[in-house]
């Protein structure tokens, strides 16, 4: 696990964008695993700026998002399909038919989860998976207690996760209680993982990731077993006495 320490969120976002755009230029048909929420917003902003300035092409890039809320239509402003289109896809030259996000508004979400897992496998898997980390160690929507052997599945969202995401909704009651998410085993099959950690609220999560026991009660701990993980973390998230 490679740790890159940066000064702040802006530098983390810029370094992450440089990492991704350089790889896309070297391998135009790269398959990216994408995440949503607050952490990657700066990354996507910087990738758009690079696209405009350096004309990095995404025409051959394929993407798979980590997750989607169950019950939200793709046109719902709080769906992750809407988020990705609005924040990133609409601003680059990507072929949207190559952008994949689970559908949370289908009748059979269990079938959707199975189909999504098979789609990832048929495509040859994810080359670089972008991740954030929850304060409770969740990755994707894999909450504490999720099996390390899990594939794409339906999850009941923890109250802490719903509270953390409530800022994107009018109130907590509007936050869906379930989601479709790539499983931990699915994530671990990615050839590379780029983990972004920012903010003082993530200090304890970072310390647990680096030095805690590897166990299903802290899902992100399994990343220590992956052969190619790069962590970009800002100073606010680093507890000096623990990490150094």
Protein backbone atom coordinates (compact mmCIF):
# COMPACT_ATOMS: atom_id res chain seq x y z
CA UNK A 1 0.00 0.00 0.00
CA UNK A 2 1.55 3.25 -1.19
CA UNK A 3 0.73 6.36 0.86
CA UNK A 4 0.97 9.79 -0.78
CA UNK A 5 0.59 12.63 1.72
CA UNK A 6 -0.62 15.98 0.38
CA UNK A 7 -1.40 19.30 1.99
CA UNK A 8 -5.12 19.59 1.44
CA UNK A 9 -8.22 18.46 -0.45
CA UNK A 10 -7.34 20.54 -3.50
CA UNK A 11 -3.91 18.93 -3.84
CA UNK A 12 -5.37 15.47 -3.26
CA UNK A 13 -7.89 16.05 -6.05
CA UNK A 14 -5.22 17.36 -8.44
CA UNK A 15 -2.84 14.46 -7.80
CA UNK A 16 -5.66 11.95 -8.23
CA UNK A 17 -6.68 13.58 -11.51
CA UNK A 18 -3.10 13.54 -12.78
CA UNK A 19 -2.87 9.86 -11.87
CA UNK A 20 -6.04 9.00 -13.81
CA UNK A 21 -5.48 11.24 -16.83
CA UNK A 22 -1.91 9.98 -17.31
CA UNK A 23 -3.16 6.41 -17.29
CA UNK A 24 -5.95 7.20 -19.76
CA UNK A 25 -3.45 8.77 -22.16
CA UNK A 26 -1.24 5.68 -21.93
CA UNK A 27 -4.16 3.24 -22.28
CA UNK A 28 -7.09 4.91 -24.07
CA UNK A 29 -9.32 1.84 -23.57
CA UNK A 30 -8.89 1.89 -19.77
CA UNK A 31 -11.76 0.62 -17.60
CA UNK A 32 -12.34 2.91 -14.64
CA UNK A 33 -14.27 2.12 -11.47
CA UNK A 34 -15.91 5.34 -10.30
CA UNK A 35 -17.31 6.56 -7.01
CA UNK A 36 -19.69 9.31 -5.97
CA UNK A 37 -20.31 11.51 -2.94
CA UNK A 38 -18.30 14.51 -1.80
CA UNK A 39 -14.77 13.11 -1.89
CA UNK A 40 -14.32 12.67 -5.68
CA UNK A 41 -15.93 15.99 -6.69
CA UNK A 42 -12.55 17.72 -6.91
CA UNK A 43 -11.11 14.81 -8.87
CA UNK A 44 -13.83 15.06 -11.51
CA UNK A 45 -13.47 18.84 -11.68
CA UNK A 46 -9.74 18.49 -12.33
CA UNK A 47 -10.28 15.77 -14.94
CA UNK A 48 -12.67 18.07 -16.79
CA UNK A 49 -10.11 20.88 -16.70
CA UNK A 50 -7.46 18.50 -18.04
CA UNK A 51 -9.82 17.37 -20.79
CA UNK A 52 -10.39 20.96 -21.87
CA UNK A 53 -6.74 21.98 -21.67
CA UNK A 54 -4.94 18.82 -22.79
CA UNK A 55 -7.68 17.11 -24.82
CA UNK A 56 -7.33 13.79 -22.99
CA UNK A 57 -9.78 11.54 -24.83
CA UNK A 58 -12.31 9.30 -23.08
CA UNK A 59 -13.93 7.96 -26.25
CA UNK A 60 -12.66 4.43 -25.65
CA UNK A 61 -12.84 4.48 -21.85
CA UNK A 62 -15.34 2.21 -20.12
CA UNK A 63 -16.62 2.92 -16.61
CA UNK A 64 -18.35 1.03 -13.82
CA UNK A 65 -19.76 2.87 -10.83
CA UNK A 66 -19.61 1.34 -7.40
CA UNK A 67 -23.24 1.68 -6.45
CA UNK A 68 -26.71 3.15 -6.82
CA UNK A 69 -29.64 3.78 -4.51
CA UNK A 70 -32.54 1.37 -4.71
CA UNK A 71 -35.79 3.09 -5.67
CA UNK A 72 -34.44 6.16 -7.44
CA UNK A 73 -35.03 6.66 -11.16
CA UNK A 74 -32.01 7.57 -13.26
CA UNK A 75 -33.52 11.03 -13.82
CA UNK A 76 -33.77 11.68 -10.07
CA UNK A 77 -31.23 14.39 -9.15
CA UNK A 78 -30.14 12.29 -6.16
CA UNK A 79 -29.45 9.16 -8.22
CA UNK A 80 -25.85 8.36 -8.96
CA UNK A 81 -26.55 8.16 -12.70
CA UNK A 82 -27.74 11.77 -12.57
CA UNK A 83 -24.73 12.70 -10.42
CA UNK A 84 -22.21 11.17 -12.82
CA UNK A 85 -23.81 12.74 -15.89
CA UNK A 86 -24.07 16.15 -14.26
CA UNK A 87 -20.69 16.21 -12.53
CA UNK A 88 -18.50 14.42 -15.07
CA UNK A 89 -19.83 12.59 -18.13
CA UNK A 90 -21.61 15.57 -19.69
CA UNK A 91 -18.35 17.53 -19.72
CA UNK A 92 -16.00 15.08 -21.47
CA UNK A 93 -16.13 13.13 -24.72
CA UNK A 94 -17.03 9.78 -23.16
CA UNK A 95 -19.44 7.42 -24.93
CA UNK A 96 -22.28 7.14 -22.39
CA UNK A 97 -23.14 3.67 -23.68
CA UNK A 98 -19.83 2.61 -22.14
CA UNK A 99 -20.68 4.10 -18.74
CA UNK A 100 -22.24 1.54 -16.43
CA UNK A 101 -24.17 2.21 -13.23
CA UNK A 102 -26.54 -0.25 -11.53
CA UNK A 103 -30.21 0.57 -12.03
CA UNK A 104 -31.98 1.08 -8.75
CA UNK A 105 -35.44 1.55 -10.23
CA UNK A 106 -35.93 -1.92 -11.74
CA UNK A 107 -38.51 -4.40 -10.45
CA UNK A 108 -35.97 -7.12 -9.67
CA UNK A 109 -32.99 -5.47 -7.99
CA UNK A 110 -31.49 -8.82 -7.01
CA UNK A 111 -31.33 -9.76 -10.70
CA UNK A 112 -29.88 -6.35 -11.49
CA UNK A 113 -27.07 -6.96 -8.98
CA UNK A 114 -26.29 -10.35 -10.50
CA UNK A 115 -26.36 -8.95 -14.04
CA UNK A 116 -24.06 -6.07 -13.05
CA UNK A 117 -21.51 -8.45 -11.55
CA UNK A 118 -21.53 -10.54 -14.72
CA UNK A 119 -21.19 -7.42 -16.88
CA UNK A 120 -18.03 -6.41 -15.01
CA UNK A 121 -16.60 -9.90 -15.44
CA UNK A 122 -17.44 -10.04 -19.16
CA UNK A 123 -15.76 -6.69 -19.72
CA UNK A 124 -12.49 -7.98 -18.31
CA UNK A 125 -12.77 -6.28 -14.94
CA UNK A 126 -11.81 -2.85 -13.64
CA UNK A 127 -8.32 -1.48 -14.29
CA UNK A 128 -8.37 1.31 -11.68
CA UNK A 129 -11.02 1.53 -8.98
CA UNK A 130 -11.46 4.91 -7.29
CA UNK A 131 -12.58 4.63 -3.67
CA UNK A 132 -13.38 6.78 -0.70
CA UNK A 133 -13.72 5.46 2.84
CA UNK A 134 -16.54 5.91 5.32
CA UNK A 135 -15.88 6.80 8.94
CA UNK A 136 -17.05 3.28 9.83
CA UNK A 137 -14.75 1.76 7.21
CA UNK A 138 -17.33 1.15 4.53
CA UNK A 139 -16.17 1.04 0.91
CA UNK A 140 -18.82 1.38 -1.74
CA UNK A 141 -21.94 0.72 0.32
CA UNK A 142 -20.40 -2.32 1.98
CA UNK A 143 -21.20 -1.70 5.61
CA UNK A 144 -19.37 -3.23 8.60
CA UNK A 145 -20.10 -6.95 8.74
CA UNK A 146 -20.22 -7.40 4.96
CA UNK A 147 -18.49 -10.60 3.89
CA UNK A 148 -15.11 -10.18 2.25
CA UNK A 149 -16.37 -12.75 -0.28
CA UNK A 150 -19.37 -10.63 -1.31
CA UNK A 151 -20.09 -9.82 -4.94
CA UNK A 152 -22.47 -7.13 -6.24
CA UNK A 153 -25.47 -7.23 -3.92
CA UNK A 154 -28.30 -5.35 -2.22
CA UNK A 155 -27.47 -3.70 1.11
CA UNK A 156 -29.41 -2.12 3.95
CA UNK A 157 -27.70 1.20 4.57
CA UNK A 158 -26.41 1.92 8.06
CA UNK A 159 -27.89 4.93 9.83
CA UNK A 160 -24.46 6.58 9.93
CA UNK A 161 -24.12 6.21 6.15
CA UNK A 162 -27.58 7.64 5.52
CA UNK A 163 -26.84 10.54 7.88
CA UNK A 164 -23.56 11.24 6.06
CA UNK A 165 -25.42 11.35 2.72
CA UNK A 166 -28.42 13.31 4.02
CA UNK A 167 -26.72 16.59 3.04
CA UNK A 168 -27.50 15.74 -0.58
CA UNK A 169 -31.24 15.37 0.20
CA UNK A 170 -33.84 17.66 1.77
CA UNK A 171 -33.87 15.57 4.94
CA UNK A 172 -32.81 12.18 6.31
CA UNK A 173 -36.21 10.63 5.60
CA UNK A 174 -35.64 11.11 1.86
CA UNK A 175 -32.38 9.12 1.88
CA UNK A 176 -33.07 5.61 0.54
CA UNK A 177 -32.60 2.74 2.97
CA UNK A 178 -31.16 0.29 0.43
CA UNK A 179 -28.61 0.33 -2.35
CA UNK A 180 -27.00 -1.89 -4.98
CA UNK A 181 -23.25 -2.02 -4.49
CA UNK A 182 -20.22 -3.79 -5.87
CA UNK A 183 -19.21 -6.38 -3.31
CA UNK A 184 -15.90 -6.40 -1.49
CA UNK A 185 -14.65 -9.34 -3.57
CA UNK A 186 -15.67 -7.42 -6.71
CA UNK A 187 -13.68 -4.37 -5.61
CA UNK A 188 -10.68 -6.51 -4.71
CA UNK A 189 -10.57 -7.94 -8.24
CA UNK A 190 -9.68 -4.48 -9.59
CA UNK A 191 -6.15 -4.39 -10.95
CA UNK A 192 -5.39 -1.15 -9.10
CA UNK A 193 -7.16 0.80 -6.38
CA UNK A 194 -6.88 4.55 -5.84
CA UNK A 195 -8.16 5.48 -2.36
CA UNK A 196 -8.84 9.15 -1.56
CA UNK A 197 -9.00 10.25 2.08
CA UNK A 198 -9.56 13.84 3.16
CA UNK A 199 -10.53 15.69 6.29
CA UNK A 200 -10.07 15.45 10.03
CA UNK A 201 -13.21 13.33 10.35
CA UNK A 202 -11.36 10.50 8.58
CA UNK A 203 -8.37 10.37 10.98
CA UNK A 204 -9.67 7.38 12.90
CA UNK A 205 -10.67 5.55 9.73
CA UNK A 206 -7.18 6.04 8.28
CA UNK A 207 -5.53 4.79 11.46
CA UNK A 208 -7.79 1.71 11.50
CA UNK A 209 -7.05 1.09 7.83
CA UNK A 210 -3.30 1.26 8.34
CA UNK A 211 -2.84 -0.42 11.69
CA UNK A 212 -6.06 -2.12 12.75
CA UNK A 213 -6.96 -5.77 12.46
CA UNK A 214 -8.10 -6.99 9.05
CA UNK A 215 -11.69 -8.00 9.74
CA UNK A 216 -15.17 -7.66 8.29
CA UNK A 217 -16.19 -5.22 11.01
CA UNK A 218 -14.04 -2.64 9.19
CA UNK A 219 -14.51 -3.45 5.48
CA UNK A 220 -11.72 -1.21 4.16
CA UNK A 221 -9.15 -3.19 6.15
CA UNK A 222 -9.16 -5.83 3.40
CA UNK A 223 -7.45 -3.33 1.09
CA UNK A 224 -4.19 -4.11 2.88
CA UNK A 225 -4.30 -7.49 1.14
CA UNK A 226 -4.54 -5.94 -2.34
CA UNK A 227 -1.25 -5.85 -4.28
CA UNK A 228 -1.69 -2.39 -5.85
CA UNK A 229 -3.33 0.22 -3.63
CA UNK A 230 -2.36 3.90 -3.75
CA UNK A 231 -3.73 6.10 -0.97
CA UNK A 232 -3.73 9.87 -1.45
CA UNK A 233 -4.43 11.47 1.92
CA UNK A 234 -4.36 15.08 3.08
CA UNK A 235 -2.74 16.29 6.28
CA UNK A 236 -6.07 16.87 8.00
CA UNK A 237 -6.81 13.14 7.85
CA UNK A 238 -3.44 12.06 9.20
CA UNK A 239 -2.94 11.48 12.90
CA UNK A 240 0.79 12.22 13.02
CA UNK A 241 1.53 10.00 15.98
CA UNK A 242 -0.05 6.96 14.34
CA UNK A 243 0.82 7.13 10.64
CA UNK A 244 4.43 8.34 10.85
